[in-house]
Each structure stands twice: as C-alpha cells, then as structure tokens.
Amino acid sequence: KEEILDIICRNAIEKYKLDDEFLEVIKAREQITSSYF
C-alpha cells in the first residue's frame, strides 16, 4: 500500500502541480480510516 500511495501521489503532484504536502495529507487521511471502497 505504501508503495502504491507514494507512486500514485507523486504522479498527481507532478501532473497537477500540487504541493508536496498532498502525499502527507493522503497518508494522514488513511491513518484515520481505510479508503477501501
């Protein structure tokens, strides 16, 4: 999971010109509860 989150977030950060904080925000959200849909 960590590897896929890193890859997919880094791709989004690059493509959408997001702050590096985006990865941290995603991981913090995942710590609260699973994002399994």
All heavy atoms as atom14 arrays in JSON, in Angstrom:
{
  "sequence": "KEEILDIICRNAIEKYKLDDEFLEVIKAREQITSSYF",
  "atom14_mask": [
    [1, 1, 1, 1, 1, 1, 1, 1, 1, 0, 0, 0, 0, 0],
    [1, 1, 1, 1, 1, 1, 1, 1, 1, 0, 0, 0, 0, 0],
    [1, 1, 1, 1, 1, 1, 1, 1, 1, 0, 0, 0, 0, 0],
    [1, 1, 1, 1, 1, 1, 1, 1, 0, 0, 0, 0, 0, 0],
    [1, 1, 1, 1, 1, 1, 1, 1, 0, 0, 0, 0, 0, 0],
    [1, 1, 1, 1, 1, 1, 1, 1, 0, 0, 0, 0, 0, 0],
    [1, 1, 1, 1, 1, 1, 1, 1, 0, 0, 0, 0, 0, 0],
    [1, 1, 1, 1, 1, 1, 1, 1, 0, 0, 0, 0, 0, 0],
    [1, 1, 1, 1, 1, 1, 0, 0, 0, 0, 0, 0, 0, 0],
    [1, 1, 1, 1, 1, 1, 1, 1, 1, 1, 1, 0, 0, 0],
    [1, 1, 1, 1, 1, 1, 1, 1, 0, 0, 0, 0, 0, 0],
    [1, 1, 1, 1, 1, 0, 0, 0, 0, 0, 0, 0, 0, 0],
    [1, 1, 1, 1, 1, 1, 1, 1, 0, 0, 0, 0, 0, 0],
    [1, 1, 1, 1, 1, 1, 1, 1, 1, 0, 0, 0, 0, 0],
    [1, 1, 1, 1, 1, 1, 1, 1, 1, 0, 0, 0, 0, 0],
    [1, 1, 1, 1, 1, 1, 1, 1, 1, 1, 1, 1, 0, 0],
    [1, 1, 1, 1, 1, 1, 1, 1, 1, 0, 0, 0, 0, 0],
    [1, 1, 1, 1, 1, 1, 1, 1, 0, 0, 0, 0, 0, 0],
    [1, 1, 1, 1, 1, 1, 1, 1, 0, 0, 0, 0, 0, 0],
    [1, 1, 1, 1, 1, 1, 1, 1, 0, 0, 0, 0, 0, 0],
    [1, 1, 1, 1, 1, 1, 1, 1, 1, 0, 0, 0, 0, 0],
    [1, 1, 1, 1, 1, 1, 1, 1, 1, 1, 1, 0, 0, 0],
    [1, 1, 1, 1, 1, 1, 1, 1, 0, 0, 0, 0, 0, 0],
    [1, 1, 1, 1, 1, 1, 1, 1, 1, 0, 0, 0, 0, 0],
    [1, 1, 1, 1, 1, 1, 1, 0, 0, 0, 0, 0, 0, 0],
    [1, 1, 1, 1, 1, 1, 1, 1, 0, 0, 0, 0, 0, 0],
    [1, 1, 1, 1, 1, 1, 1, 1, 1, 0, 0, 0, 0, 0],
    [1, 1, 1, 1, 1, 0, 0, 0, 0, 0, 0, 0, 0, 0],
    [1, 1, 1, 1, 1, 1, 1, 1, 1, 1, 1, 0, 0, 0],
    [1, 1, 1, 1, 1, 1, 1, 1, 1, 0, 0, 0, 0, 0],
    [1, 1, 1, 1, 1, 1, 1, 1, 1, 0, 0, 0, 0, 0],
    [1, 1, 1, 1, 1, 1, 1, 1, 0, 0, 0, 0, 0, 0],
    [1, 1, 1, 1, 1, 1, 1, 0, 0, 0, 0, 0, 0, 0],
    [1, 1, 1, 1, 1, 1, 0, 0, 0, 0, 0, 0, 0, 0],
    [1, 1, 1, 1, 1, 1, 0, 0, 0, 0, 0, 0, 0, 0],
    [1, 1, 1, 1, 1, 1, 1, 1, 1, 1, 1, 1, 0, 0],
    [1, 1, 1, 1, 1, 1, 1, 1, 1, 1, 1, 0, 0, 0]
  ],
  "atom14_positions": [
    [[0.82, -1.21, 0.0], [0.0, 0.0, 0.0], [0.86, 1.27, 0.0], [0.57, 2.22, -0.75], [-0.92, -0.04, 1.23], [-1.79, 1.14, 1.4], [-2.62, 0.94, 2.66], [-3.49, 2.1, 2.97], [-4.35, 1.84, 4.14], [0.0, 0.0, 0.0], [0.0, 0.0, 0.0], [0.0, 0.0, 0.0], [0.0, 0.0, 0.0], [0.0, 0.0, 0.0]],
    [[1.89, 1.3, 0.84], [2.75, 2.5, 0.92], [3.37, 2.82, -0.43], [3.42, 3.98, -0.84], [3.85, 2.29, 1.97], [3.36, 2.3, 3.38], [2.81, 3.66, 3.81], [3.44, 4.69, 3.51], [1.75, 3.68, 4.45], [0.0, 0.0, 0.0], [0.0, 0.0, 0.0], [0.0, 0.0, 0.0], [0.0, 0.0, 0.0], [0.0, 0.0, 0.0]],
    [[3.84, 1.78, -1.12], [4.48, 1.99, -2.42], [3.49, 2.54, -3.43], [3.81, 3.49, -4.15], [5.1, 0.69, -2.92], [5.84, 0.86, -4.22], [6.46, -0.43, -4.74], [6.29, -1.49, -4.12], [7.11, -0.36, -5.8], [0.0, 0.0, 0.0], [0.0, 0.0, 0.0], [0.0, 0.0, 0.0], [0.0, 0.0, 0.0], [0.0, 0.0, 0.0]],
    [[2.31, 1.96, -3.51], [1.33, 2.44, -4.48], [0.9, 3.86, -4.14], [0.74, 4.71, -5.02], [0.12, 1.5, -4.67], [-0.78, 1.96, -5.82], [-0.71, 1.37, -3.42], [-0.21, 1.86, -7.18], [0.0, 0.0, 0.0], [0.0, 0.0, 0.0], [0.0, 0.0, 0.0], [0.0, 0.0, 0.0], [0.0, 0.0, 0.0], [0.0, 0.0, 0.0]],
    [[0.7, 4.17, -2.85], [0.34, 5.54, -2.47], [1.43, 6.53, -2.85], [1.14, 7.61, -3.37], [0.04, 5.63, -0.97], [-1.31, 5.11, -0.52], [-1.42, 5.15, 1.01], [-2.46, 5.88, -1.15], [0.0, 0.0, 0.0], [0.0, 0.0, 0.0], [0.0, 0.0, 0.0], [0.0, 0.0, 0.0], [0.0, 0.0, 0.0], [0.0, 0.0, 0.0]],
    [[2.69, 6.16, -2.61], [3.8, 7.04, -2.99], [3.81, 7.31, -4.49], [3.9, 8.46, -4.92], [5.15, 6.44, -2.57], [5.41, 6.53, -1.08], [4.71, 7.3, -0.39], [6.33, 5.83, -0.6], [0.0, 0.0, 0.0], [0.0, 0.0, 0.0], [0.0, 0.0, 0.0], [0.0, 0.0, 0.0], [0.0, 0.0, 0.0], [0.0, 0.0, 0.0]],
    [[3.69, 6.26, -5.27], [3.75, 6.4, -6.73], [2.58, 7.21, -7.26], [2.75, 8.17, -8.02], [3.8, 5.02, -7.41], [5.14, 4.35, -7.12], [3.58, 5.14, -8.91], [5.21, 2.88, -7.49], [0.0, 0.0, 0.0], [0.0, 0.0, 0.0], [0.0, 0.0, 0.0], [0.0, 0.0, 0.0], [0.0, 0.0, 0.0], [0.0, 0.0, 0.0]],
    [[1.38, 6.85, -6.85], [0.2, 7.49, -7.4], [0.11, 8.96, -6.95], [-0.29, 9.84, -7.72], [-1.07, 6.67, -7.07], [-2.15, 6.91, -8.1], [-1.56, 6.9, -5.69], [-3.25, 5.88, -8.07], [0.0, 0.0, 0.0], [0.0, 0.0, 0.0], [0.0, 0.0, 0.0], [0.0, 0.0, 0.0], [0.0, 0.0, 0.0], [0.0, 0.0, 0.0]],
    [[0.53, 9.25, -5.71], [0.53, 10.64, -5.24], [1.6, 11.47, -5.93], [1.36, 12.61, -6.32], [0.72, 10.69, -3.73], [-0.75, 10.22, -2.8], [0.0, 0.0, 0.0], [0.0, 0.0, 0.0], [0.0, 0.0, 0.0], [0.0, 0.0, 0.0], [0.0, 0.0, 0.0], [0.0, 0.0, 0.0], [0.0, 0.0, 0.0], [0.0, 0.0, 0.0]],
    [[2.79, 10.9, -6.09], [3.87, 11.64, -6.78], [3.47, 11.97, -8.23], [3.74, 13.05, -8.72], [5.17, 10.84, -6.77], [5.73, 10.64, -5.4], [6.72, 11.74, -5.03], [7.07, 11.56, -3.62], [6.98, 12.51, -2.73], [6.56, 13.71, -3.06], [7.3, 12.3, -1.48], [0.0, 0.0, 0.0], [0.0, 0.0, 0.0], [0.0, 0.0, 0.0]],
    [[2.81, 11.01, -8.89], [2.33, 11.28, -10.25], [1.33, 12.43, -10.26], [1.38, 13.31, -11.12], [1.69, 10.03, -10.86], [2.7, 8.97, -11.21], [3.89, 9.24, -11.33], [2.23, 7.75, -11.39], [0.0, 0.0, 0.0], [0.0, 0.0, 0.0], [0.0, 0.0, 0.0], [0.0, 0.0, 0.0], [0.0, 0.0, 0.0], [0.0, 0.0, 0.0]],
    [[0.4, 12.44, -9.3], [-0.6, 13.5, -9.22], [0.05, 14.84, -8.89], [-0.31, 15.88, -9.46], [-1.66, 13.15, -8.18], [0.0, 0.0, 0.0], [0.0, 0.0, 0.0], [0.0, 0.0, 0.0], [0.0, 0.0, 0.0], [0.0, 0.0, 0.0], [0.0, 0.0, 0.0], [0.0, 0.0, 0.0], [0.0, 0.0, 0.0], [0.0, 0.0, 0.0]],
    [[1.01, 14.84, -7.97], [1.72, 16.07, -7.59], [2.37, 16.69, -8.82], [2.28, 17.9, -9.06], [2.74, 15.79, -6.47], [2.02, 15.53, -5.15], [3.74, 16.92, -6.33], [2.89, 14.95, -4.05], [0.0, 0.0, 0.0], [0.0, 0.0, 0.0], [0.0, 0.0, 0.0], [0.0, 0.0, 0.0], [0.0, 0.0, 0.0], [0.0, 0.0, 0.0]],
    [[3.01, 15.85, -9.62], [3.69, 16.33, -10.81], [2.69, 16.83, -11.86], [2.82, 17.93, -12.38], [4.56, 15.21, -11.4], [5.39, 15.65, -12.57], [6.29, 14.53, -13.08], [6.9, 13.84, -12.26], [6.33, 14.36, -14.31], [0.0, 0.0, 0.0], [0.0, 0.0, 0.0], [0.0, 0.0, 0.0], [0.0, 0.0, 0.0], [0.0, 0.0, 0.0]],
    [[1.69, 16.02, -12.16], [0.74, 16.35, -13.22], [-0.12, 17.57, -12.89], [-0.37, 18.41, -13.74], [-0.16, 15.17, -13.52], [-1.19, 15.46, -14.62], [-1.86, 14.22, -15.11], [-2.93, 14.5, -16.13], [-2.5, 15.03, -17.38], [0.0, 0.0, 0.0], [0.0, 0.0, 0.0], [0.0, 0.0, 0.0], [0.0, 0.0, 0.0], [0.0, 0.0, 0.0]],
    [[-0.56, 17.67, -11.64], [-1.49, 18.74, -11.25], [-0.81, 19.88, -10.49], [-1.48, 20.74, -9.94], [-2.66, 18.16, -10.45], [-3.47, 17.21, -11.28], [-3.29, 15.83, -11.2], [-4.39, 17.69, -12.21], [-4.01, 14.96, -11.99], [-5.12, 16.82, -13.02], [-4.92, 15.46, -12.9], [-5.63, 14.6, -13.7], [0.0, 0.0, 0.0], [0.0, 0.0, 0.0]],
    [[0.52, 19.87, -10.47], [1.3, 20.93, -9.83], [0.85, 21.18, -8.39], [0.6, 22.3, -7.97], [1.2, 22.24, -10.64], [1.48, 22.09, -12.12], [2.91, 21.7, -12.39], [3.18, 21.68, -13.89], [3.67, 20.44, -14.38], [0.0, 0.0, 0.0], [0.0, 0.0, 0.0], [0.0, 0.0, 0.0], [0.0, 0.0, 0.0], [0.0, 0.0, 0.0]],
    [[0.77, 20.09, -7.63], [0.35, 20.16, -6.23], [1.54, 20.32, -5.31], [2.67, 19.94, -5.65], [-0.42, 18.89, -5.85], [-1.67, 18.58, -6.66], [-2.18, 17.2, -6.32], [-2.73, 19.63, -6.41], [0.0, 0.0, 0.0], [0.0, 0.0, 0.0], [0.0, 0.0, 0.0], [0.0, 0.0, 0.0], [0.0, 0.0, 0.0], [0.0, 0.0, 0.0]],
    [[1.28, 20.82, -4.14], [2.28, 20.94, -3.1], [2.66, 19.52, -2.64], [1.82, 18.62, -2.63], [1.66, 21.73, -1.94], [2.67, 22.08, -0.88], [3.14, 21.14, -0.2], [2.98, 23.27, -0.73], [0.0, 0.0, 0.0], [0.0, 0.0, 0.0], [0.0, 0.0, 0.0], [0.0, 0.0, 0.0], [0.0, 0.0, 0.0], [0.0, 0.0, 0.0]],
    [[3.91, 19.32, -2.25], [4.35, 18.01, -1.76], [3.56, 17.56, -0.53], [3.55, 16.39, -0.2], [5.84, 18.03, -1.42], [6.72, 17.95, -2.67], [6.21, 17.5, -3.72], [7.89, 18.35, -2.6], [0.0, 0.0, 0.0], [0.0, 0.0, 0.0], [0.0, 0.0, 0.0], [0.0, 0.0, 0.0], [0.0, 0.0, 0.0], [0.0, 0.0, 0.0]],
    [[2.9, 18.49, 0.13], [2.07, 18.18, 1.29], [0.93, 17.22, 0.91], [0.38, 16.53, 1.77], [1.49, 19.48, 1.86], [0.61, 19.29, 3.05], [-0.08, 20.58, 3.46], [0.15, 21.63, 2.84], [-0.85, 20.51, 4.43], [0.0, 0.0, 0.0], [0.0, 0.0, 0.0], [0.0, 0.0, 0.0], [0.0, 0.0, 0.0], [0.0, 0.0, 0.0]],
    [[0.59, 17.14, -0.36], [-0.51, 16.29, -0.81], [-0.31, 14.84, -0.36], [-1.23, 14.21, 0.15], [-0.65, 16.36, -2.33], [-1.82, 15.6, -2.88], [-3.12, 16.03, -2.64], [-1.63, 14.46, -3.63], [-4.21, 15.33, -3.14], [-2.71, 13.74, -4.13], [-4.0, 14.18, -3.89], [0.0, 0.0, 0.0], [0.0, 0.0, 0.0], [0.0, 0.0, 0.0]],
    [[0.88, 14.3, -0.53], [1.18, 12.94, -0.1], [0.95, 12.79, 1.41], [0.33, 11.81, 1.85], [2.61, 12.54, -0.47], [3.08, 11.17, 0.0], [2.23, 10.05, -0.57], [4.54, 10.96, -0.39], [0.0, 0.0, 0.0], [0.0, 0.0, 0.0], [0.0, 0.0, 0.0], [0.0, 0.0, 0.0], [0.0, 0.0, 0.0], [0.0, 0.0, 0.0]],
    [[1.4, 13.74, 2.18], [1.21, 13.7, 3.63], [-0.27, 13.73, 4.0], [-0.72, 13.02, 4.9], [1.94, 14.87, 4.3], [3.44, 14.83, 4.15], [4.09, 16.15, 4.53], [3.55, 16.87, 5.39], [5.17, 16.45, 3.96], [0.0, 0.0, 0.0], [0.0, 0.0, 0.0], [0.0, 0.0, 0.0], [0.0, 0.0, 0.0], [0.0, 0.0, 0.0]],
    [[-1.04, 14.55, 3.29], [-2.48, 14.67, 3.54], [-3.19, 13.35, 3.24], [-4.05, 12.91, 4.0], [-3.07, 15.84, 2.71], [-4.58, 15.82, 2.7], [-2.54, 17.17, 3.2], [0.0, 0.0, 0.0], [0.0, 0.0, 0.0], [0.0, 0.0, 0.0], [0.0, 0.0, 0.0], [0.0, 0.0, 0.0], [0.0, 0.0, 0.0], [0.0, 0.0, 0.0]],
    [[-2.8, 12.71, 2.16], [-3.4, 11.43, 1.79], [-3.07, 10.37, 2.84], [-3.94, 9.63, 3.3], [-2.93, 10.97, 0.39], [-3.41, 11.93, -0.7], [-3.37, 9.54, 0.1], [-4.91, 12.03, -0.85], [0.0, 0.0, 0.0], [0.0, 0.0, 0.0], [0.0, 0.0, 0.0], [0.0, 0.0, 0.0], [0.0, 0.0, 0.0], [0.0, 0.0, 0.0]],
    [[-1.82, 10.3, 3.25], [-1.41, 9.3, 4.24], [-2.05, 9.58, 5.6], [-2.42, 8.64, 6.31], [0.11, 9.23, 4.34], [0.72, 8.56, 3.11], [2.21, 8.38, 3.26], [2.76, 7.61, 2.08], [4.18, 7.3, 2.23], [0.0, 0.0, 0.0], [0.0, 0.0, 0.0], [0.0, 0.0, 0.0], [0.0, 0.0, 0.0], [0.0, 0.0, 0.0]],
    [[-2.19, 10.84, 5.97], [-2.84, 11.18, 7.23], [-4.31, 10.75, 7.2], [-4.83, 10.2, 8.18], [-2.74, 12.68, 7.5], [0.0, 0.0, 0.0], [0.0, 0.0, 0.0], [0.0, 0.0, 0.0], [0.0, 0.0, 0.0], [0.0, 0.0, 0.0], [0.0, 0.0, 0.0], [0.0, 0.0, 0.0], [0.0, 0.0, 0.0], [0.0, 0.0, 0.0]],
    [[-4.97, 10.95, 6.09], [-6.37, 10.53, 5.95], [-6.47, 9.0, 6.06], [-7.36, 8.47, 6.69], [-6.91, 11.02, 4.6], [-8.08, 10.31, 3.97], [-9.34, 10.3, 4.83], [-10.39, 9.53, 4.22], [-10.52, 8.2, 4.28], [-9.63, 7.47, 4.86], [-11.55, 7.61, 3.73], [0.0, 0.0, 0.0], [0.0, 0.0, 0.0], [0.0, 0.0, 0.0]],
    [[-5.54, 8.31, 5.5], [-5.53, 6.85, 5.52], [-5.32, 6.32, 6.94], [-5.79, 5.24, 7.28], [-4.45, 6.33, 4.58], [-4.63, 4.92, 4.14], [-5.86, 4.67, 3.29], [-6.25, 5.52, 2.47], [-6.46, 3.59, 3.45], [0.0, 0.0, 0.0], [0.0, 0.0, 0.0], [0.0, 0.0, 0.0], [0.0, 0.0, 0.0], [0.0, 0.0, 0.0]],
    [[-4.64, 7.09, 7.78], [-4.43, 6.69, 9.17], [-5.73, 6.75, 9.98], [-5.9, 6.01, 10.93], [-3.39, 7.59, 9.84], [-1.99, 7.42, 9.29], [-1.45, 6.03, 9.51], [-1.55, 5.48, 10.59], [-0.87, 5.45, 8.48], [0.0, 0.0, 0.0], [0.0, 0.0, 0.0], [0.0, 0.0, 0.0], [0.0, 0.0, 0.0], [0.0, 0.0, 0.0]],
    [[-6.64, 7.61, 9.58], [-7.91, 7.76, 10.29], [-8.81, 6.55, 10.04], [-9.35, 5.96, 10.97], [-8.62, 9.07, 9.86], [-7.78, 10.26, 10.32], [-10.03, 9.14, 10.43], [-8.24, 11.59, 9.75], [0.0, 0.0, 0.0], [0.0, 0.0, 0.0], [0.0, 0.0, 0.0], [0.0, 0.0, 0.0], [0.0, 0.0, 0.0], [0.0, 0.0, 0.0]],
    [[-8.96, 6.18, 8.78], [-9.75, 5.0, 8.41], [-9.38, 4.57, 7.0], [-8.92, 5.39, 6.2], [-11.27, 5.27, 8.54], [-11.98, 4.04, 8.34], [-11.74, 6.29, 7.53], [0.0, 0.0, 0.0], [0.0, 0.0, 0.0], [0.0, 0.0, 0.0], [0.0, 0.0, 0.0], [0.0, 0.0, 0.0], [0.0, 0.0, 0.0], [0.0, 0.0, 0.0]],
    [[-9.59, 3.33, 6.71], [-9.24, 2.79, 5.4], [-10.07, 3.45, 4.3], [-11.24, 3.76, 4.48], [-9.51, 1.28, 5.38], [-9.29, 0.76, 4.08], [0.0, 0.0, 0.0], [0.0, 0.0, 0.0], [0.0, 0.0, 0.0], [0.0, 0.0, 0.0], [0.0, 0.0, 0.0], [0.0, 0.0, 0.0], [0.0, 0.0, 0.0], [0.0, 0.0, 0.0]],
    [[-9.45, 3.62, 3.16], [-10.15, 4.17, 1.99], [-10.65, 3.05, 1.08], [-10.97, 3.29, -0.09], [-9.23, 5.12, 1.22], [-8.06, 4.45, 0.81], [0.0, 0.0, 0.0], [0.0, 0.0, 0.0], [0.0, 0.0, 0.0], [0.0, 0.0, 0.0], [0.0, 0.0, 0.0], [0.0, 0.0, 0.0], [0.0, 0.0, 0.0], [0.0, 0.0, 0.0]],
    [[-10.73, 1.83, 1.62], [-11.32, 0.74, 0.84], [-12.76, 1.1, 0.52], [-13.53, 1.47, 1.4], [-11.25, -0.58, 1.62], [-11.83, -1.74, 0.85], [-11.1, -2.32, -0.17], [-13.09, -2.23, 1.13], [-11.62, -3.37, -0.9], [-13.62, -3.28, 0.4], [-12.88, -3.85, -0.62], [-13.4, -4.89, -1.35], [0.0, 0.0, 0.0], [0.0, 0.0, 0.0]],
    [[-13.13, 1.01, -0.76], [-14.45, 1.47, -1.21], [-15.4, 0.32, -1.5], [-16.6, 0.48, -1.49], [-14.24, 2.32, -2.48], [-15.27, 3.38, -2.71], [-15.34, 4.51, -1.92], [-16.16, 3.26, -3.76], [-16.28, 5.49, -2.16], [-17.11, 4.23, -4.01], [-17.17, 5.36, -3.2], [0.0, 0.0, 0.0], [0.0, 0.0, 0.0], [0.0, 0.0, 0.0]]
  ]
}
